[in-house]
Amino acid sequence: MIETQARVIRLESGHAWVEPRPHTPCGQCDPVHGCRSLAIARMFSPNGPAFRVKNPLDAAVGDWVTVSVPERGMLHSALLMYLVPLIGLFVGAAAGALASETVSVLAGLAGFAAALVAVRRVSRGFGQRPLFQPVITERVDALALISERPCRSKS
C-alpha cells in the first residue's frame, strides 16, 4: 500500500475530502524556487490539493488520518497513462513511415491522440473499482505528526 497522512476537511456520505499533509523539505529542492513537483501539483489543482477518499472509520472533520492506495492500482494507472500513448505514437509513426516522413509524423500524432482518447474512456470507470480508490486506513495522532523529524540531505 502507498500511504500518506492527511487532514479531513469535509465529509460526504461514506466518503471524506482530505488535504494531504505538507511534506517537510528534504534538502533536495531548489533553494530559490522550492520543490518543483509540488509547484507542478499546485498548477493542476488551483483549488487546493484536496481529494475524495472512502471513509470506513467515520473520521471527523479535523482528524488526521492515513490514506492508502493499493500499489497495484497505482502501477496499472501509470502503465495505462504512460505506456498506451507511447505505443500509439510508435504504431502510428511506423505505419505512416511506409508512405513518407511527413505522413509518419502525422500518423504518429494521430496514434498518440487516439491512444489518449482510449485512455480517457478506459479510465472513467476506475474511480468505482476498489483497486483504484484511496481509503482511510487509520487515525493518526496529531502530536505524533508534529514530533516527526524532517528528512535531512546527506552532504
N, C-alpha and C. Protein backbone atom coordinates (compact mmCIF):
# COMPACT_ATOMS: atom_id res chain seq x y z
N MET A 1 0.83 -1.18 0.00
CA MET A 1 0.00 0.00 0.00
C MET A 1 0.88 1.25 0.00
N ILE A 2 0.44 2.22 -0.74
CA ILE A 2 1.09 3.52 -0.74
C ILE A 2 0.29 4.39 0.22
N GLU A 3 0.97 5.02 1.18
CA GLU A 3 0.27 5.74 2.23
C GLU A 3 0.77 7.16 2.37
N THR A 4 -0.12 8.03 2.84
CA THR A 4 0.24 9.39 3.19
C THR A 4 -0.68 9.86 4.32
N GLN A 5 -0.25 10.83 5.07
CA GLN A 5 -1.09 11.40 6.11
C GLN A 5 -1.84 12.59 5.52
N ALA A 6 -3.07 12.77 6.00
CA ALA A 6 -3.91 13.86 5.51
C ALA A 6 -4.86 14.29 6.61
N ARG A 7 -5.43 15.48 6.43
CA ARG A 7 -6.39 16.02 7.39
C ARG A 7 -7.76 16.04 6.71
N VAL A 8 -8.77 15.56 7.41
CA VAL A 8 -10.13 15.56 6.88
C VAL A 8 -10.66 16.99 6.91
N ILE A 9 -11.14 17.46 5.74
CA ILE A 9 -11.64 18.83 5.69
C ILE A 9 -13.15 18.91 5.41
N ARG A 10 -13.73 17.80 4.89
CA ARG A 10 -15.16 17.81 4.58
C ARG A 10 -15.65 16.37 4.52
N LEU A 11 -16.91 16.15 4.89
CA LEU A 11 -17.49 14.82 4.87
C LEU A 11 -18.63 14.73 3.86
N GLU A 12 -18.74 13.56 3.23
CA GLU A 12 -19.87 13.21 2.36
C GLU A 12 -20.31 11.82 2.78
N SER A 13 -21.42 11.36 2.27
CA SER A 13 -21.93 10.05 2.67
C SER A 13 -20.92 8.94 2.38
N GLY A 14 -20.29 8.41 3.44
CA GLY A 14 -19.34 7.31 3.30
C GLY A 14 -17.97 7.72 2.78
N HIS A 15 -17.78 8.99 2.47
CA HIS A 15 -16.51 9.48 1.95
C HIS A 15 -16.08 10.73 2.71
N ALA A 16 -14.83 11.06 2.57
CA ALA A 16 -14.29 12.28 3.18
C ALA A 16 -13.41 12.98 2.15
N TRP A 17 -13.36 14.28 2.23
CA TRP A 17 -12.40 15.05 1.44
C TRP A 17 -11.23 15.33 2.37
N VAL A 18 -10.04 15.00 1.91
CA VAL A 18 -8.85 15.18 2.74
C VAL A 18 -7.84 16.06 2.02
N GLU A 19 -7.03 16.69 2.83
CA GLU A 19 -5.94 17.53 2.33
C GLU A 19 -4.64 16.91 2.82
N PRO A 20 -3.76 16.51 1.89
CA PRO A 20 -2.52 15.86 2.31
C PRO A 20 -1.65 16.76 3.18
N ARG A 21 -0.94 16.13 4.07
CA ARG A 21 0.00 16.84 4.94
C ARG A 21 1.14 17.39 4.10
N PRO A 22 1.46 18.66 4.26
CA PRO A 22 2.60 19.21 3.51
C PRO A 22 3.87 18.48 3.91
N HIS A 23 4.70 18.19 2.94
CA HIS A 23 5.93 17.48 3.26
C HIS A 23 6.97 18.46 3.78
N THR A 24 7.92 17.93 4.50
CA THR A 24 9.00 18.76 5.03
C THR A 24 10.11 18.81 4.00
N PRO A 25 10.83 19.91 3.94
CA PRO A 25 11.92 20.00 2.97
C PRO A 25 13.00 18.97 3.26
N CYS A 26 13.51 18.35 2.22
CA CYS A 26 14.49 17.30 2.43
C CYS A 26 15.89 17.72 1.97
N GLY A 27 16.04 18.94 1.50
CA GLY A 27 17.34 19.39 1.06
C GLY A 27 17.64 19.09 -0.40
N GLN A 28 16.74 18.40 -1.08
CA GLN A 28 16.95 18.08 -2.49
C GLN A 28 16.28 19.11 -3.40
N CYS A 29 15.51 20.01 -2.83
CA CYS A 29 14.79 21.01 -3.62
C CYS A 29 15.70 22.17 -4.00
N ASP A 30 15.28 22.87 -5.02
CA ASP A 30 15.96 24.09 -5.45
C ASP A 30 15.81 25.13 -4.34
N PRO A 31 16.91 25.70 -3.82
CA PRO A 31 16.80 26.62 -2.69
C PRO A 31 16.04 27.91 -3.02
N VAL A 32 16.03 28.32 -4.28
CA VAL A 32 15.36 29.55 -4.67
C VAL A 32 13.88 29.32 -4.97
N HIS A 33 13.57 28.30 -5.77
CA HIS A 33 12.21 28.09 -6.24
C HIS A 33 11.46 27.01 -5.48
N GLY A 34 12.10 26.28 -4.62
CA GLY A 34 11.44 25.25 -3.85
C GLY A 34 11.26 23.95 -4.62
N CYS A 35 10.34 23.16 -4.15
CA CYS A 35 10.10 21.83 -4.71
C CYS A 35 9.38 21.94 -6.05
N ARG A 36 10.00 21.44 -7.10
CA ARG A 36 9.41 21.51 -8.44
C ARG A 36 8.16 20.66 -8.55
N SER A 37 8.17 19.45 -8.00
CA SER A 37 7.00 18.59 -8.13
C SER A 37 5.80 19.18 -7.39
N LEU A 38 6.04 19.83 -6.26
CA LEU A 38 4.96 20.47 -5.53
C LEU A 38 4.40 21.64 -6.33
N ALA A 39 5.26 22.40 -6.99
CA ALA A 39 4.82 23.53 -7.81
C ALA A 39 3.96 23.04 -8.98
N ILE A 40 4.36 21.93 -9.59
CA ILE A 40 3.58 21.37 -10.70
C ILE A 40 2.23 20.87 -10.18
N ALA A 41 2.23 20.22 -9.04
CA ALA A 41 0.97 19.72 -8.47
C ALA A 41 0.01 20.87 -8.19
N ARG A 42 0.53 21.98 -7.69
CA ARG A 42 -0.32 23.14 -7.41
C ARG A 42 -0.88 23.75 -8.70
N MET A 43 -0.13 23.65 -9.79
CA MET A 43 -0.58 24.17 -11.07
C MET A 43 -1.84 23.44 -11.54
N PHE A 44 -1.91 22.13 -11.30
CA PHE A 44 -3.02 21.33 -11.77
C PHE A 44 -4.17 21.23 -10.76
N SER A 45 -4.00 21.79 -9.57
CA SER A 45 -5.09 21.79 -8.60
C SER A 45 -5.19 23.17 -7.96
N PRO A 46 -5.76 24.15 -8.71
CA PRO A 46 -5.81 25.52 -8.22
C PRO A 46 -6.66 25.70 -6.97
N ASN A 47 -7.63 24.82 -6.73
CA ASN A 47 -8.48 24.93 -5.55
C ASN A 47 -7.92 24.22 -4.34
N GLY A 48 -6.69 23.80 -4.42
CA GLY A 48 -6.06 23.11 -3.31
C GLY A 48 -5.86 21.64 -3.64
N PRO A 49 -5.07 20.98 -2.84
CA PRO A 49 -4.72 19.59 -3.13
C PRO A 49 -5.70 18.56 -2.56
N ALA A 50 -6.91 18.97 -2.19
CA ALA A 50 -7.85 18.06 -1.56
C ALA A 50 -8.34 16.99 -2.54
N PHE A 51 -8.62 15.80 -2.01
CA PHE A 51 -9.18 14.74 -2.83
C PHE A 51 -10.12 13.89 -2.00
N ARG A 52 -10.99 13.15 -2.68
CA ARG A 52 -12.05 12.36 -2.05
C ARG A 52 -11.56 10.94 -1.78
N VAL A 53 -11.83 10.43 -0.57
CA VAL A 53 -11.43 9.08 -0.19
C VAL A 53 -12.59 8.38 0.51
N LYS A 54 -12.54 7.04 0.51
CA LYS A 54 -13.53 6.27 1.28
C LYS A 54 -13.23 6.45 2.76
N ASN A 55 -14.28 6.50 3.57
CA ASN A 55 -14.13 6.77 4.99
C ASN A 55 -14.78 5.67 5.84
N PRO A 56 -14.22 4.45 5.84
CA PRO A 56 -14.83 3.37 6.62
C PRO A 56 -14.67 3.54 8.13
N LEU A 57 -13.75 4.40 8.57
CA LEU A 57 -13.53 4.59 10.00
C LEU A 57 -14.35 5.73 10.58
N ASP A 58 -15.19 6.36 9.76
CA ASP A 58 -16.01 7.50 10.19
C ASP A 58 -15.17 8.60 10.83
N ALA A 59 -14.10 8.97 10.17
CA ALA A 59 -13.25 10.06 10.66
C ALA A 59 -14.05 11.36 10.59
N ALA A 60 -13.78 12.24 11.53
CA ALA A 60 -14.49 13.52 11.60
C ALA A 60 -13.64 14.64 10.99
N VAL A 61 -14.30 15.74 10.70
CA VAL A 61 -13.59 16.91 10.16
C VAL A 61 -12.53 17.33 11.16
N GLY A 62 -11.32 17.56 10.67
CA GLY A 62 -10.20 17.97 11.51
C GLY A 62 -9.31 16.82 11.93
N ASP A 63 -9.79 15.57 11.80
CA ASP A 63 -8.97 14.41 12.16
C ASP A 63 -7.80 14.24 11.19
N TRP A 64 -6.68 13.81 11.73
CA TRP A 64 -5.54 13.42 10.90
C TRP A 64 -5.65 11.92 10.66
N VAL A 65 -5.49 11.50 9.43
CA VAL A 65 -5.70 10.10 9.06
C VAL A 65 -4.59 9.64 8.12
N THR A 66 -4.47 8.32 7.99
CA THR A 66 -3.59 7.73 6.98
C THR A 66 -4.46 7.30 5.82
N VAL A 67 -4.11 7.77 4.62
CA VAL A 67 -4.83 7.41 3.41
C VAL A 67 -3.95 6.44 2.63
N SER A 68 -4.55 5.33 2.20
CA SER A 68 -3.80 4.29 1.49
C SER A 68 -4.42 4.01 0.13
N VAL A 69 -3.55 3.67 -0.83
CA VAL A 69 -3.95 3.25 -2.17
C VAL A 69 -3.16 1.99 -2.49
N PRO A 70 -3.81 0.95 -3.02
CA PRO A 70 -3.07 -0.26 -3.38
C PRO A 70 -1.99 0.02 -4.42
N GLU A 71 -0.80 -0.53 -4.22
CA GLU A 71 0.31 -0.32 -5.16
C GLU A 71 -0.05 -0.82 -6.56
N ARG A 72 -0.78 -1.92 -6.61
CA ARG A 72 -1.16 -2.49 -7.90
C ARG A 72 -2.01 -1.51 -8.71
N GLY A 73 -2.91 -0.80 -8.04
CA GLY A 73 -3.73 0.20 -8.72
C GLY A 73 -2.89 1.34 -9.27
N MET A 74 -1.91 1.77 -8.49
CA MET A 74 -1.01 2.84 -8.95
C MET A 74 -0.20 2.37 -10.15
N LEU A 75 0.27 1.14 -10.12
CA LEU A 75 1.04 0.59 -11.23
C LEU A 75 0.19 0.50 -12.49
N HIS A 76 -1.03 -0.01 -12.37
CA HIS A 76 -1.92 -0.09 -13.52
C HIS A 76 -2.19 1.30 -14.10
N SER A 77 -2.43 2.27 -13.24
CA SER A 77 -2.70 3.64 -13.70
C SER A 77 -1.50 4.21 -14.44
N ALA A 78 -0.32 4.02 -13.88
CA ALA A 78 0.89 4.56 -14.51
C ALA A 78 1.16 3.90 -15.85
N LEU A 79 1.00 2.58 -15.92
CA LEU A 79 1.20 1.89 -17.19
C LEU A 79 0.20 2.37 -18.23
N LEU A 80 -1.05 2.50 -17.83
CA LEU A 80 -2.08 2.96 -18.76
C LEU A 80 -1.78 4.38 -19.25
N MET A 81 -1.42 5.25 -18.34
CA MET A 81 -1.21 6.66 -18.70
C MET A 81 0.07 6.90 -19.50
N TYR A 82 1.11 6.16 -19.23
CA TYR A 82 2.38 6.39 -19.92
C TYR A 82 2.63 5.46 -21.09
N LEU A 83 2.31 4.20 -20.93
CA LEU A 83 2.66 3.21 -21.96
C LEU A 83 1.72 3.23 -23.16
N VAL A 84 0.42 3.32 -22.93
CA VAL A 84 -0.53 3.26 -24.04
C VAL A 84 -0.34 4.43 -25.03
N PRO A 85 -0.23 5.69 -24.59
CA PRO A 85 0.02 6.76 -25.57
C PRO A 85 1.35 6.60 -26.32
N LEU A 86 2.35 6.09 -25.62
CA LEU A 86 3.64 5.88 -26.27
C LEU A 86 3.53 4.82 -27.36
N ILE A 87 2.81 3.76 -27.06
CA ILE A 87 2.59 2.71 -28.07
C ILE A 87 1.81 3.27 -29.25
N GLY A 88 0.78 4.08 -28.97
CA GLY A 88 0.01 4.70 -30.05
C GLY A 88 0.87 5.57 -30.94
N LEU A 89 1.78 6.32 -30.33
CA LEU A 89 2.70 7.17 -31.10
C LEU A 89 3.60 6.33 -32.00
N PHE A 90 4.20 5.29 -31.45
CA PHE A 90 5.12 4.45 -32.24
C PHE A 90 4.40 3.67 -33.34
N VAL A 91 3.24 3.12 -33.03
CA VAL A 91 2.49 2.35 -34.03
C VAL A 91 2.06 3.27 -35.17
N GLY A 92 1.55 4.46 -34.84
CA GLY A 92 1.15 5.41 -35.88
C GLY A 92 2.33 5.85 -36.73
N ALA A 93 3.44 6.15 -36.09
CA ALA A 93 4.63 6.58 -36.84
C ALA A 93 5.17 5.47 -37.72
N ALA A 94 5.17 4.25 -37.22
CA ALA A 94 5.67 3.12 -38.01
C ALA A 94 4.76 2.85 -39.20
N ALA A 95 3.46 2.93 -38.99
CA ALA A 95 2.53 2.71 -40.10
C ALA A 95 2.66 3.81 -41.16
N GLY A 96 2.84 5.04 -40.72
CA GLY A 96 2.98 6.15 -41.66
C GLY A 96 4.32 6.16 -42.37
N ALA A 97 5.31 5.52 -41.78
CA ALA A 97 6.65 5.50 -42.37
C ALA A 97 6.66 4.76 -43.70
N LEU A 98 5.68 3.92 -43.92
CA LEU A 98 5.59 3.20 -45.20
C LEU A 98 5.31 4.16 -46.35
N ALA A 99 4.68 5.29 -46.07
CA ALA A 99 4.35 6.26 -47.12
C ALA A 99 5.45 7.32 -47.27
N SER A 100 5.65 8.13 -46.23
CA SER A 100 6.69 9.17 -46.27
C SER A 100 6.96 9.68 -44.86
N GLU A 101 7.94 10.54 -44.74
CA GLU A 101 8.30 11.07 -43.43
C GLU A 101 7.19 11.96 -42.87
N THR A 102 6.60 12.78 -43.72
CA THR A 102 5.53 13.68 -43.29
C THR A 102 4.32 12.87 -42.82
N VAL A 103 3.97 11.86 -43.58
CA VAL A 103 2.85 11.00 -43.19
C VAL A 103 3.18 10.27 -41.89
N SER A 104 4.41 9.89 -41.70
CA SER A 104 4.84 9.21 -40.49
C SER A 104 4.63 10.11 -39.27
N VAL A 105 5.01 11.38 -39.38
CA VAL A 105 4.85 12.32 -38.27
C VAL A 105 3.37 12.52 -37.98
N LEU A 106 2.57 12.75 -39.02
CA LEU A 106 1.14 12.97 -38.83
C LEU A 106 0.44 11.72 -38.27
N ALA A 107 0.80 10.57 -38.77
CA ALA A 107 0.21 9.32 -38.27
C ALA A 107 0.63 9.05 -36.83
N GLY A 108 1.85 9.41 -36.48
CA GLY A 108 2.31 9.27 -35.09
C GLY A 108 1.51 10.15 -34.16
N LEU A 109 1.27 11.40 -34.56
CA LEU A 109 0.46 12.31 -33.75
C LEU A 109 -0.97 11.81 -33.64
N ALA A 110 -1.52 11.29 -34.75
CA ALA A 110 -2.88 10.74 -34.73
C ALA A 110 -2.96 9.51 -33.82
N GLY A 111 -1.96 8.66 -33.87
CA GLY A 111 -1.93 7.49 -32.99
C GLY A 111 -1.84 7.88 -31.53
N PHE A 112 -1.04 8.91 -31.25
CA PHE A 112 -0.91 9.41 -29.88
C PHE A 112 -2.25 9.96 -29.39
N ALA A 113 -2.91 10.78 -30.22
CA ALA A 113 -4.20 11.37 -29.84
C ALA A 113 -5.25 10.27 -29.64
N ALA A 114 -5.28 9.29 -30.53
CA ALA A 114 -6.25 8.19 -30.40
C ALA A 114 -6.00 7.41 -29.12
N ALA A 115 -4.74 7.21 -28.77
CA ALA A 115 -4.42 6.49 -27.54
C ALA A 115 -4.86 7.28 -26.31
N LEU A 116 -4.71 8.60 -26.33
CA LEU A 116 -5.16 9.43 -25.21
C LEU A 116 -6.67 9.34 -25.03
N VAL A 117 -7.40 9.35 -26.15
CA VAL A 117 -8.86 9.21 -26.09
C VAL A 117 -9.22 7.84 -25.50
N ALA A 118 -8.51 6.80 -25.94
CA ALA A 118 -8.76 5.46 -25.41
C ALA A 118 -8.47 5.39 -23.91
N VAL A 119 -7.38 6.00 -23.48
CA VAL A 119 -7.03 6.01 -22.06
C VAL A 119 -8.13 6.71 -21.25
N ARG A 120 -8.61 7.82 -21.77
CA ARG A 120 -9.67 8.56 -21.06
C ARG A 120 -10.93 7.70 -20.91
N ARG A 121 -11.31 7.01 -21.98
CA ARG A 121 -12.51 6.18 -21.93
C ARG A 121 -12.34 5.00 -20.97
N VAL A 122 -11.20 4.37 -21.02
CA VAL A 122 -10.94 3.22 -20.15
C VAL A 122 -10.88 3.65 -18.69
N SER A 123 -10.26 4.78 -18.41
CA SER A 123 -10.04 5.20 -17.03
C SER A 123 -11.28 5.79 -16.37
N ARG A 124 -12.32 6.09 -17.10
CA ARG A 124 -13.53 6.66 -16.49
C ARG A 124 -14.13 5.77 -15.43
N GLY A 125 -14.08 4.48 -15.62
CA GLY A 125 -14.67 3.56 -14.65
C GLY A 125 -13.76 3.21 -13.49
N PHE A 126 -12.51 3.68 -13.51
CA PHE A 126 -11.57 3.33 -12.46
C PHE A 126 -11.99 3.82 -11.09
N GLY A 127 -12.64 4.97 -11.02
CA GLY A 127 -12.99 5.55 -9.74
C GLY A 127 -13.93 4.69 -8.91
N GLN A 128 -14.65 3.78 -9.54
CA GLN A 128 -15.60 2.93 -8.83
C GLN A 128 -15.00 1.58 -8.43
N ARG A 129 -13.82 1.26 -8.93
CA ARG A 129 -13.20 -0.03 -8.62
C ARG A 129 -12.32 0.10 -7.37
N PRO A 130 -12.43 -0.85 -6.43
CA PRO A 130 -11.66 -0.77 -5.18
C PRO A 130 -10.15 -0.69 -5.38
N LEU A 131 -9.66 -1.27 -6.46
CA LEU A 131 -8.23 -1.26 -6.72
C LEU A 131 -7.68 0.16 -6.89
N PHE A 132 -8.54 1.08 -7.31
CA PHE A 132 -8.09 2.43 -7.61
C PHE A 132 -8.60 3.48 -6.63
N GLN A 133 -9.30 3.06 -5.59
CA GLN A 133 -9.87 4.01 -4.65
C GLN A 133 -8.98 4.20 -3.42
N PRO A 134 -8.64 5.45 -3.12
CA PRO A 134 -7.93 5.71 -1.86
C PRO A 134 -8.90 5.52 -0.70
N VAL A 135 -8.39 5.04 0.42
CA VAL A 135 -9.24 4.76 1.58
C VAL A 135 -8.51 5.15 2.87
N ILE A 136 -9.27 5.62 3.83
CA ILE A 136 -8.71 5.95 5.15
C ILE A 136 -8.50 4.62 5.89
N THR A 137 -7.26 4.37 6.28
CA THR A 137 -6.95 3.10 6.94
C THR A 137 -6.71 3.23 8.44
N GLU A 138 -6.41 4.45 8.92
CA GLU A 138 -6.24 4.63 10.37
C GLU A 138 -6.26 6.12 10.72
N ARG A 139 -6.59 6.37 11.98
CA ARG A 139 -6.49 7.73 12.51
C ARG A 139 -5.08 7.91 13.03
N VAL A 140 -4.56 9.12 12.89
CA VAL A 140 -3.19 9.40 13.32
C VAL A 140 -3.23 10.47 14.41
N ASP A 141 -2.41 10.29 15.41
CA ASP A 141 -2.30 11.26 16.49
C ASP A 141 -1.60 12.51 15.96
N ALA A 142 -2.23 13.66 16.10
CA ALA A 142 -1.66 14.92 15.58
C ALA A 142 -0.32 15.23 16.25
N LEU A 143 -0.15 14.88 17.51
CA LEU A 143 1.12 15.14 18.20
C LEU A 143 2.26 14.32 17.60
N ALA A 144 1.96 13.12 17.14
CA ALA A 144 2.99 12.28 16.52
C ALA A 144 3.47 12.90 15.21
N LEU A 145 2.57 13.56 14.49
CA LEU A 145 2.96 14.23 13.24
C LEU A 145 3.89 15.39 13.49
N ILE A 146 3.63 16.13 14.57
CA ILE A 146 4.45 17.30 14.89
C ILE A 146 5.85 16.87 15.30
N SER A 147 5.96 15.77 16.03
CA SER A 147 7.25 15.36 16.56
C SER A 147 8.15 14.66 15.54
N GLU A 148 7.61 14.32 14.35
CA GLU A 148 8.47 13.67 13.35
C GLU A 148 9.55 14.65 12.88
N ARG A 149 10.73 14.13 12.70
CA ARG A 149 11.85 14.95 12.27
C ARG A 149 11.84 15.08 10.76
N PRO A 150 12.11 16.27 10.23
CA PRO A 150 12.22 16.39 8.78
C PRO A 150 13.44 15.64 8.27
N CYS A 151 13.34 15.17 7.04
CA CYS A 151 14.48 14.45 6.48
C CYS A 151 15.62 15.43 6.22
N ARG A 152 16.78 14.94 6.29
CA ARG A 152 17.98 15.77 6.07
C ARG A 152 18.74 15.24 4.87
N SER A 153 19.28 16.16 4.09
CA SER A 153 20.08 15.72 2.93
C SER A 153 21.44 15.27 3.43
N LYS A 154 21.97 14.30 2.74
CA LYS A 154 23.31 13.80 3.10
C LYS A 154 24.33 14.61 2.34
N SER A 155 25.21 15.26 3.07
CA SER A 155 26.22 16.09 2.43
C SER A 155 27.58 15.45 2.55
